[in-house]
Every structure is written in structure tokens, then in C-alpha cells.
Protein backbone atom coordinates (compact mmCIF):
# COMPACT_ATOMS: atom_id res chain seq x y z
CA MET A 1 -21.06 -20.10 -2.80
CA PRO A 2 -24.46 -17.85 -3.28
CA THR A 3 -24.38 -15.66 -6.41
CA ASP A 4 -24.46 -13.09 -4.45
CA LYS A 5 -22.04 -13.52 -2.18
CA LEU A 6 -19.47 -14.62 -5.23
CA LEU A 7 -20.66 -11.38 -6.50
CA ASP A 8 -19.55 -9.84 -3.61
CA ARG A 9 -16.22 -11.15 -3.28
CA LEU A 10 -15.59 -10.74 -7.24
CA HIS A 11 -16.15 -7.03 -6.46
CA GLN A 12 -13.93 -6.58 -3.11
CA TYR A 13 -11.35 -8.24 -5.30
CA ALA A 14 -11.80 -5.56 -7.90
CA LEU A 15 -11.67 -2.70 -5.90
CA LEU A 16 -8.50 -4.32 -4.15
CA MET A 17 -7.07 -3.96 -7.65
CA ARG A 18 -8.23 -0.94 -8.23
CA LEU A 19 -10.02 -1.23 -11.56
CA ASN A 20 -12.36 1.70 -10.31
CA ARG A 21 -9.17 3.30 -10.19
CA PRO A 22 -7.62 3.08 -13.16
CA ILE A 23 -4.64 5.92 -13.67
CA GLY A 24 -1.86 3.50 -12.48
CA ILE A 25 -2.91 1.51 -15.25
CA PHE A 26 -2.67 4.34 -17.51
CA LEU A 27 0.52 5.14 -16.01
CA LEU A 28 2.90 1.89 -16.79
CA LEU A 29 0.71 1.84 -19.85
CA TRP A 30 1.67 5.06 -21.85
CA PRO A 31 5.92 4.03 -20.95
CA THR A 32 5.00 0.81 -22.37
CA LEU A 33 3.81 2.05 -25.69
CA TRP A 34 6.36 4.67 -26.10
CA ALA A 35 8.59 1.81 -25.91
CA LEU A 36 6.44 -0.25 -28.67
CA TRP A 37 6.05 2.23 -31.02
CA ILE A 38 9.67 3.21 -30.99
CA ALA A 39 11.28 -0.10 -30.82
CA SER A 40 9.16 -1.60 -33.82
CA GLU A 41 8.87 2.18 -35.69
CA GLY A 42 5.84 2.47 -35.34
CA THR A 43 4.20 -1.25 -36.56
CA PRO A 44 4.61 -2.89 -33.57
CA ASP A 45 3.99 -6.68 -33.29
CA PRO A 46 0.10 -7.45 -32.36
CA LEU A 47 1.23 -10.53 -30.13
CA ALA A 48 3.34 -8.71 -27.97
CA THR A 49 1.24 -5.67 -28.24
CA ALA A 50 -1.68 -7.32 -26.43
CA VAL A 51 0.57 -9.29 -24.16
CA LEU A 52 2.02 -6.30 -22.91
CA ILE A 53 -1.45 -4.31 -22.56
CA LEU A 54 -2.63 -7.36 -20.80
CA GLY A 55 0.13 -7.39 -18.35
CA VAL A 56 -0.13 -3.60 -17.75
CA VAL A 57 -3.48 -4.23 -16.04
CA LEU A 58 -2.87 -7.65 -14.69
CA MET A 59 0.90 -6.52 -12.96
CA ARG A 60 -0.37 -3.21 -11.77
CA SER A 61 -3.82 -4.96 -10.42
CA ALA A 62 -0.98 -6.98 -8.55
CA GLY A 63 1.00 -4.46 -7.13
CA CYS A 64 -2.25 -2.87 -5.99
CA VAL A 65 -3.06 -5.87 -4.25
CA ILE A 66 0.85 -6.32 -2.54
CA ASN A 67 0.51 -2.47 -1.82
CA ASP A 68 -2.40 -2.84 0.77
CA TYR A 69 -1.50 -5.83 2.08
CA ALA A 70 1.72 -4.26 2.97
CA ASP A 71 0.09 -1.40 4.34
CA ARG A 72 -2.59 -3.12 6.04
CA ASP A 73 -1.64 -1.88 9.68
CA PHE A 74 -1.28 1.49 8.00
CA ASP A 75 -4.08 2.45 5.86
CA PRO A 76 -6.85 1.96 8.67
CA HIS A 77 -5.02 5.47 9.84
CA VAL A 78 -5.45 7.28 6.95
CA ALA A 79 -8.12 9.47 5.89
CA ARG A 80 -7.49 8.16 1.78
CA THR A 81 -6.99 4.88 2.61
CA HIS A 82 -9.09 3.90 5.65
CA ALA A 83 -12.01 2.33 3.29
CA ARG A 84 -10.04 0.30 1.17
CA PRO A 85 -11.17 -3.68 1.03
CA LEU A 86 -7.90 -4.87 3.40
CA ALA A 87 -7.93 -1.96 5.82
CA SER A 88 -11.66 -2.27 6.60
CA GLY A 89 -11.77 -5.76 6.70
CA GLN A 90 -13.70 -6.80 4.16
CA VAL A 91 -11.10 -8.84 2.40
CA SER A 92 -8.56 -11.29 4.58
CA SER A 93 -4.57 -11.13 4.43
CA TRP A 94 -4.48 -14.47 2.87
CA GLU A 95 -7.15 -13.47 0.43
CA ALA A 96 -4.91 -10.67 -1.16
CA ILE A 97 -1.74 -12.99 -1.32
CA ALA A 98 -3.84 -15.45 -3.09
CA LEU A 99 -5.17 -13.16 -5.76
CA PHE A 100 -1.50 -11.48 -5.71
CA LEU A 101 0.07 -14.62 -6.97
CA LEU A 102 -2.81 -15.88 -9.13
CA LEU A 103 -2.09 -12.43 -11.00
CA ALA A 104 1.24 -12.81 -11.25
CA PHE A 105 0.75 -16.35 -12.50
CA VAL A 106 -1.47 -15.19 -15.29
CA ALA A 107 1.30 -12.61 -16.06
CA PHE A 108 3.65 -14.88 -16.20
CA LEU A 109 1.73 -17.19 -18.53
CA LEU A 110 1.16 -14.59 -20.85
CA VAL A 111 4.81 -13.32 -21.59
CA LEU A 112 5.40 -17.37 -21.73
CA MET A 113 3.89 -16.64 -25.43
CA LEU A 114 6.88 -14.01 -25.90
CA ASN A 115 10.48 -14.88 -27.16
CA TRP A 116 12.61 -16.27 -24.35
CA ASN A 117 14.87 -12.81 -23.48
CA THR A 118 11.49 -11.26 -22.84
CA VAL A 119 10.36 -14.04 -20.19
CA LEU A 120 14.01 -13.49 -19.03
CA LEU A 121 13.34 -10.08 -18.49
CA SER A 122 9.82 -10.58 -16.43
CA LEU A 123 11.86 -12.54 -14.20
CA VAL A 124 13.09 -8.84 -12.92
CA ALA A 125 9.88 -7.24 -12.84
CA LEU A 126 8.07 -9.41 -10.00
CA PRO A 127 10.26 -8.66 -7.44
CA LEU A 128 10.23 -5.42 -8.42
CA ALA A 129 6.36 -5.02 -8.09
CA ALA A 130 6.34 -7.18 -4.61
CA THR A 131 9.17 -5.18 -2.53
CA TYR A 132 8.48 -1.42 -3.89
CA PRO A 133 5.30 -1.38 -1.11
CA PHE A 134 7.79 -2.28 1.75
CA MET A 135 10.36 0.17 0.88
CA LYS A 136 8.38 3.01 2.59
CA ARG A 137 9.69 1.67 5.67
CA TYR A 138 13.07 1.67 4.89
CA THR A 139 13.66 4.43 2.62
CA HIS A 140 12.40 8.07 2.08
CA LEU A 141 12.90 6.95 -1.85
CA PRO A 142 10.10 4.21 -1.99
CA GLN A 143 8.86 6.26 -5.41
CA VAL A 144 12.55 5.87 -7.02
CA HIS A 145 12.07 1.74 -6.92
CA LEU A 146 8.26 2.18 -8.04
CA GLY A 147 9.95 4.52 -11.24
CA VAL A 148 12.10 1.19 -11.77
CA ALA A 149 9.11 -1.17 -11.49
CA PHE A 150 6.68 1.12 -13.99
CA GLY A 151 10.02 1.67 -16.06
CA TRP A 152 11.16 -2.08 -16.51
CA ALA A 153 8.53 -1.80 -18.92
CA VAL A 154 10.47 -0.55 -21.86
CA PRO A 155 13.43 -3.19 -21.86
CA MET A 156 10.69 -5.56 -21.86
CA ALA A 157 8.52 -3.84 -24.67
CA PHE A 158 11.81 -3.46 -26.91
CA THR A 159 12.67 -7.34 -26.43
CA ALA A 160 9.29 -8.43 -27.20
CA GLN A 161 9.19 -6.73 -30.31
CA THR A 162 12.65 -7.37 -31.28
CA GLY A 163 13.78 -10.24 -29.70
CA GLU A 164 17.09 -8.61 -28.80
CA PHE A 165 18.81 -7.09 -25.64
CA PRO A 166 17.55 -3.62 -25.59
CA PRO A 167 19.54 -1.16 -27.12
CA PRO A 168 21.23 2.03 -25.36
CA VAL A 169 18.08 4.33 -26.44
CA ALA A 170 15.92 1.87 -24.19
CA TRP A 171 17.89 2.34 -21.21
CA LEU A 172 17.91 5.70 -21.61
CA LEU A 173 14.46 5.93 -22.07
CA LEU A 174 14.00 4.03 -19.16
CA THR A 175 15.70 6.87 -17.13
CA GLY A 176 13.11 9.09 -18.23
CA VAL A 177 10.36 7.37 -17.00
CA VAL A 178 12.02 6.77 -13.72
CA LEU A 179 12.20 10.06 -13.40
CA TRP A 180 8.77 11.10 -14.35
CA ALA A 181 7.40 8.55 -11.66
CA VAL A 182 9.97 10.06 -9.52
CA ALA A 183 8.00 13.28 -9.79
CA TYR A 184 4.43 12.23 -10.34
CA ASP A 185 4.80 9.74 -6.95
CA THR A 186 6.08 12.34 -4.92
CA ILE A 187 3.46 14.58 -5.92
CA TYR A 188 0.78 11.47 -4.97
CA ALA A 189 3.01 11.30 -1.64
CA MET A 190 2.21 15.25 -1.20
CA VAL A 191 -1.42 13.99 -0.90
CA ASP A 192 -0.67 11.79 2.54
CA ARG A 193 2.08 13.37 3.79
CA GLU A 194 0.81 14.86 6.88
CA ASP A 195 -0.66 11.39 7.74
CA ASP A 196 2.75 9.40 6.69
CA ILE A 197 4.64 11.84 9.30
CA ARG A 198 2.29 11.09 11.96
CA ILE A 199 2.58 7.13 11.23
CA GLY A 200 5.99 6.72 10.54
CA VAL A 201 5.92 5.90 6.94
CA LYS A 202 8.48 7.33 4.67
CA SER A 203 8.63 9.35 0.96
CA THR A 204 10.26 11.48 -1.03
CA ALA A 205 7.14 14.41 -0.43
CA ILE A 206 8.73 14.04 3.44
CA LEU A 207 12.48 13.81 2.35
CA PHE A 208 12.13 17.24 0.22
CA ALA A 209 10.08 19.06 2.70
CA GLU A 210 9.53 22.57 1.27
CA ALA A 211 11.80 22.28 -0.93
CA ASP A 212 9.66 19.76 -2.98
CA ARG A 213 7.99 21.84 -5.49
CA ALA A 214 10.93 22.96 -6.77
CA ILE A 215 12.61 19.79 -6.77
CA ILE A 216 9.47 18.31 -8.36
CA GLY A 217 9.93 20.72 -11.12
CA GLY A 218 14.17 19.71 -11.48
CA ILE A 219 13.09 16.14 -11.98
CA GLN A 220 10.57 17.37 -14.35
CA ALA A 221 12.62 19.07 -16.80
CA SER A 222 15.10 16.20 -16.14
CA PHE A 223 13.05 13.88 -17.75
CA LEU A 224 11.86 16.37 -20.03
CA LEU A 225 15.71 16.62 -21.06
CA VAL A 226 15.93 13.14 -21.49
CA LEU A 227 12.87 12.86 -23.38
CA VAL A 228 14.58 15.25 -26.27
CA LEU A 229 17.93 13.37 -25.92
CA VAL A 230 15.68 10.03 -27.10
CA GLY A 231 14.29 12.64 -30.11
CA GLN A 232 17.68 13.36 -31.35
CA LYS A 233 19.37 9.84 -30.79
CA LEU A 234 16.58 8.32 -33.05
CA GLN A 235 16.06 12.15 -35.51
CA LEU A 236 12.69 11.84 -34.83
CA SER A 237 10.61 14.78 -36.16
CA GLY A 238 8.36 17.93 -34.97
CA PHE A 239 5.84 15.73 -34.26
CA TYR A 240 6.90 13.98 -31.82
CA TYR A 241 8.81 17.52 -29.79
CA ALA A 242 5.53 18.86 -30.24
CA GLY A 243 4.19 15.89 -28.08
CA ILE A 244 7.21 16.87 -25.55
CA ALA A 245 5.98 20.78 -25.70
CA VAL A 246 2.44 19.64 -24.65
CA ALA A 247 4.00 17.29 -21.98
CA ALA A 248 5.83 21.07 -20.73
CA GLY A 249 3.09 22.74 -20.50
CA LEU A 250 1.30 20.27 -18.28
CA MET A 251 4.02 20.05 -15.93
CA VAL A 252 4.01 23.60 -16.01
CA TYR A 253 -0.31 23.28 -15.15
CA GLN A 254 0.82 20.62 -12.63
CA GLN A 255 3.32 23.16 -10.51
CA TYR A 256 0.36 25.78 -10.31
CA LEU A 257 -2.08 23.39 -8.63
CA ILE A 258 0.83 22.07 -6.44
CA ARG A 259 1.66 25.55 -5.10
CA ASN A 260 -0.37 25.65 -2.13
CA ARG A 261 0.47 21.68 -0.79
CA LEU A 262 -3.14 21.05 -0.69
CA PRO A 263 -3.82 17.68 -0.91
CA ALA A 264 -6.80 17.69 -3.54
CA ALA A 265 -4.74 19.69 -6.03
CA CYS A 266 -1.99 17.23 -5.52
CA PHE A 267 -4.36 14.79 -6.51
CA LYS A 268 -5.42 16.55 -9.45
CA ALA A 269 -1.76 17.01 -10.63
CA PHE A 270 -1.02 13.43 -9.84
CA LEU A 271 -4.13 12.44 -12.28
CA ASN A 272 -3.47 15.15 -14.60
CA ASN A 273 -0.46 12.74 -16.00
CA ASN A 274 -2.31 10.63 -17.63
CA TRP A 275 -2.30 13.16 -20.14
CA LEU A 276 0.95 13.98 -20.28
CA GLY A 277 1.39 10.57 -21.15
CA MET A 278 -1.24 10.57 -23.92
CA ALA A 279 0.46 13.53 -25.30
CA VAL A 280 4.26 11.88 -25.39
CA PHE A 281 2.52 8.74 -27.25
CA ALA A 282 0.46 10.93 -29.56
CA GLY A 283 4.06 12.90 -30.41
CA THR A 284 5.60 9.58 -31.23
CA PHE A 285 2.68 7.55 -32.64
CA LEU A 286 2.35 10.75 -35.09
CA HIS A 287 5.90 10.81 -35.98
CA TYR A 288 5.73 6.75 -36.97
CA PHE A 289 2.44 7.45 -38.83
CA TYR A 290 3.51 10.06 -41.20
CA GLN A 291 7.12 8.62 -42.10
CA GLY A 292 5.37 5.56 -43.20
């Protein structure tokens, strides 16, 4: 294969994996780091950290590939997605499947470097990632499925660090991550709501209808409450709660952005969740840094 053609294929694969839009990597990475720092009390194992970070990149990329494969007949009819490699015909369906399997296989090889309890938990992660894109055909709650898929990194991080079955606080934190994902992915779905209604796919944005802002606000408040409960259970310091306070302020800002349900503003509110995840991590990091 000529070099220029090879480079073009690699470029199209990178676009298919959404490496040019790393927001999904960050939204999966932050809960992973929260869990690692809590499980290790501020001193995460270097190997577990490296494997999980690489795993985040690989699995988010795999998720984007299988998502575009699942939506290959829908994306050409949606303004925001019609130019994606599969939708535009730049990448074939068989290439997408092969790429998804390769990414998942490499991620699994990485997990094999960790303890067997983590390997067993990873066997749940792949089906969650692979089935999420198809949920919008059958249920108005694909955002919940996404939340579980993203949140599964939490018990995996605990097990990777300790080698033991995740404690109750891990499952509490997983619950919080699911709530957070439902909130931000509903905001994301608001961007495409009119297109989704037209082509017949489902989402929480469609389900919530005119009550969307109020319900998102309630879910966001529930997420913050879960974080507070985690802090109380672990007796975390004021640094952690300062991070939660910043997160709460960012959620208020997101509510302001989506007040008129304008697609561009909703997308901006969705992207803002990167800073929210960072704020929670910063508070967690500072707690253990100064406790140590």
C-alpha cells in the first residue's frame, strides 16, 4: 500500500476513534482516577495506573467505533454526524468491526498484566461497551447504559489497586458516576433531539421532553449527594468538599447554558463536564496529598 494511502487510512481510523475529540476519554478517565486515588489512599500502583489509563483510551476509542457502526444508517441524516468516516463512506463496515475487535483485544491484553479479579471484571466491560450503541433502538434510557459502561471503570480500579473484590464505597461511587453520565449525556442528547425524533431513535432527552432541565438538575443534585456520602464514609477533608463545591458551581453554569435548549449551548454544557471531573479529582488528590 502506498504511503499516502496508508496515512489516509490511519487518519480515517483516528477520526473514527474520535481521537480528534478527546472529551469522551476525559469523561471516562476522571472517575477512573477518582477510584484509583481513593482505593490507594493517594498512592496508586504505577502499573495499575498505566494499564487503566491506556485502557480508558482504547475502550473509549472502541466504543466510538462500535457506536458509529451501529449508527451507520442514522448518522448520514444527522447534521452533526453526517461527515463521520462511516457515514460518509470513507471507512467500510468491515474495517470498523476489525478495528473495534483489535482495540478490544489490545485492551484485554493490557488487563492481563493485572490481577485475575480485575481480569474477571473486565469481561463485563466489553459487553457493556459493545451493546450501548444499540440501546437507543429499544429504550429511552441508553444514557443509563452508558453510565454503567463508564462507571464500570470504578470497581475495576479498586480491584486493580487492591486485588480484592470492590468494597461498598466503590459501588456507591459507581452509582454516582452513573448519575453524572446520565446528566451529561442527556445534555449531549439535547443537541440531536430534533434529528433523533425525526429518524426514530430514543434518548432520555426525548423521554424527559419539556421537563428535561428540571430532571437533569435533580440527577445532578443526586450525583453531588453521592459524592458527599463517599466523603463522609471515608472521612475525607475539606479539600475534597471544595472540589465538590466547584463541581456544584459548574453544574449551575451548565443549567444556565441549557436554559434555552439551543444545540450549540447544550454542546458547550456537555463539554464543561471535563472541568467538573477535574475539580472532583483535584479535591481528592489534594486530600490525600496533604494527609500523606
